[in-house]
């Protein structure tokens, strides 16, 4: 698994405003951290419901990444790796949106 990879993840039953169910997500954890085979990763869920928000990043074939919803998941919640990586440009855009969201 690498930063920018798209994986289908089981987010479980959602509470209001949370992602839920099995859906694609973008891995945003750095490759340096992933090298240590962590038990949890940071992901950004994708949705096919486009809201036109500034925090959405188009991901071909998977809808939009919701950069406003970074979430830590156990690697046990990764249902399937898709073999797709969104590339450095889209990954950088998602990470910059997350940084803006948390005031970095």
Protein backbone atom coordinates (compact mmCIF):
# COMPACT_ATOMS: atom_id res chain seq x y z
CA UNK A 1 0.00 0.00 0.00
CA UNK A 2 1.24 3.48 -0.92
CA UNK A 3 0.08 7.05 -0.39
CA UNK A 4 -2.48 7.90 -3.07
CA UNK A 5 -3.72 4.33 -3.45
CA UNK A 6 -7.47 3.81 -3.74
CA UNK A 7 -8.84 1.03 -1.53
CA UNK A 8 -12.36 -0.11 -0.76
CA UNK A 9 -12.79 0.36 2.99
CA UNK A 10 -15.56 -0.63 5.39
CA UNK A 11 -16.48 2.48 7.36
CA UNK A 12 -19.30 0.68 9.17
CA UNK A 13 -22.64 2.26 10.03
CA UNK A 14 -22.35 6.06 9.80
CA UNK A 15 -23.41 8.64 12.32
CA UNK A 16 -24.58 12.00 10.98
CA UNK A 17 -21.91 13.62 8.81
CA UNK A 18 -19.61 10.56 8.75
CA UNK A 19 -18.74 8.32 5.82
CA UNK A 20 -20.31 4.90 6.04
CA UNK A 21 -20.49 1.45 4.56
CA UNK A 22 -17.97 0.02 2.06
CA UNK A 23 -16.68 2.72 -0.26
CA UNK A 24 -13.50 3.75 -2.03
CA UNK A 25 -11.02 5.80 -0.02
CA UNK A 26 -7.69 7.45 -0.78
CA UNK A 27 -4.73 6.56 1.44
CA UNK A 28 -3.12 9.83 2.62
CA UNK A 29 -0.70 8.36 5.18
CA UNK A 30 2.87 9.05 4.04
CA UNK A 31 4.92 6.30 2.41
CA UNK A 32 7.55 6.76 5.14
CA UNK A 33 4.98 5.79 7.78
CA UNK A 34 3.46 3.01 5.66
CA UNK A 35 6.89 1.35 5.46
CA UNK A 36 6.50 0.39 9.13
CA UNK A 37 3.33 -1.64 8.43
CA UNK A 38 1.11 0.40 10.70
CA UNK A 39 -2.11 -1.09 12.06
CA UNK A 40 -4.02 2.10 11.20
CA UNK A 41 -3.97 4.41 8.18
CA UNK A 42 -5.39 7.83 7.40
CA UNK A 43 -7.79 7.86 4.46
CA UNK A 44 -10.15 10.26 2.74
CA UNK A 45 -13.44 8.67 1.65
CA UNK A 46 -14.86 9.03 -1.85
CA UNK A 47 -18.46 9.58 -2.88
CA UNK A 48 -20.35 9.76 -6.15
CA UNK A 49 -22.53 12.53 -4.69
CA UNK A 50 -20.92 15.75 -5.86
CA UNK A 51 -21.85 18.70 -3.69
CA UNK A 52 -19.65 21.29 -5.37
CA UNK A 53 -17.67 21.89 -2.19
CA UNK A 54 -14.13 23.28 -2.36
CA UNK A 55 -12.96 20.26 -0.36
CA UNK A 56 -13.86 17.80 -3.12
CA UNK A 57 -11.16 16.44 -5.42
CA UNK A 58 -12.15 14.57 -8.60
CA UNK A 59 -10.90 10.99 -8.70
CA UNK A 60 -11.54 9.37 -12.08
CA UNK A 61 -13.66 6.24 -11.74
CA UNK A 62 -14.36 6.79 -8.03
CA UNK A 63 -16.29 10.09 -7.85
CA UNK A 64 -14.83 12.75 -5.58
CA UNK A 65 -12.49 12.45 -2.63
CA UNK A 66 -13.94 14.21 0.41
CA UNK A 67 -10.86 15.96 1.81
CA UNK A 68 -12.97 17.43 4.63
CA UNK A 69 -13.43 13.92 6.09
CA UNK A 70 -9.94 12.54 6.83
CA UNK A 71 -10.42 9.41 8.90
CA UNK A 72 -8.15 6.95 10.68
CA UNK A 73 -9.05 3.33 9.99
CA UNK A 74 -7.63 0.00 11.04
CA UNK A 75 -5.96 -1.76 8.12
CA UNK A 76 -8.42 -4.57 8.92
CA UNK A 77 -11.13 -2.32 7.44
CA UNK A 78 -9.46 -2.40 4.01
CA UNK A 79 -11.73 -4.75 2.09
CA UNK A 80 -9.92 -4.62 -1.25
CA UNK A 81 -7.05 -2.74 -2.82
CA UNK A 82 -8.03 -1.51 -6.29
CA UNK A 83 -4.55 -1.32 -7.78
CA UNK A 84 -5.23 2.34 -8.64
CA UNK A 85 -3.16 5.29 -7.45
CA UNK A 86 -4.44 8.84 -7.93
CA UNK A 87 -0.96 10.28 -8.55
CA UNK A 88 1.09 12.96 -6.86
CA UNK A 89 -0.87 15.99 -8.13
CA UNK A 90 -4.27 14.88 -6.78
CA UNK A 91 -2.68 13.54 -3.57
CA UNK A 92 -0.94 16.87 -2.97
CA UNK A 93 -4.24 18.70 -3.55
CA UNK A 94 -6.02 16.49 -0.97
CA UNK A 95 -3.23 16.93 1.57
CA UNK A 96 -3.23 20.72 1.10
CA UNK A 97 -6.99 20.82 1.65
CA UNK A 98 -6.58 18.78 4.85
CA UNK A 99 -3.82 21.13 6.02
CA UNK A 100 -6.09 24.13 5.39
CA UNK A 101 -8.93 22.39 7.23
CA UNK A 102 -6.87 21.91 10.38
CA UNK A 103 -5.11 25.25 10.19
CA UNK A 104 -1.58 24.22 9.20
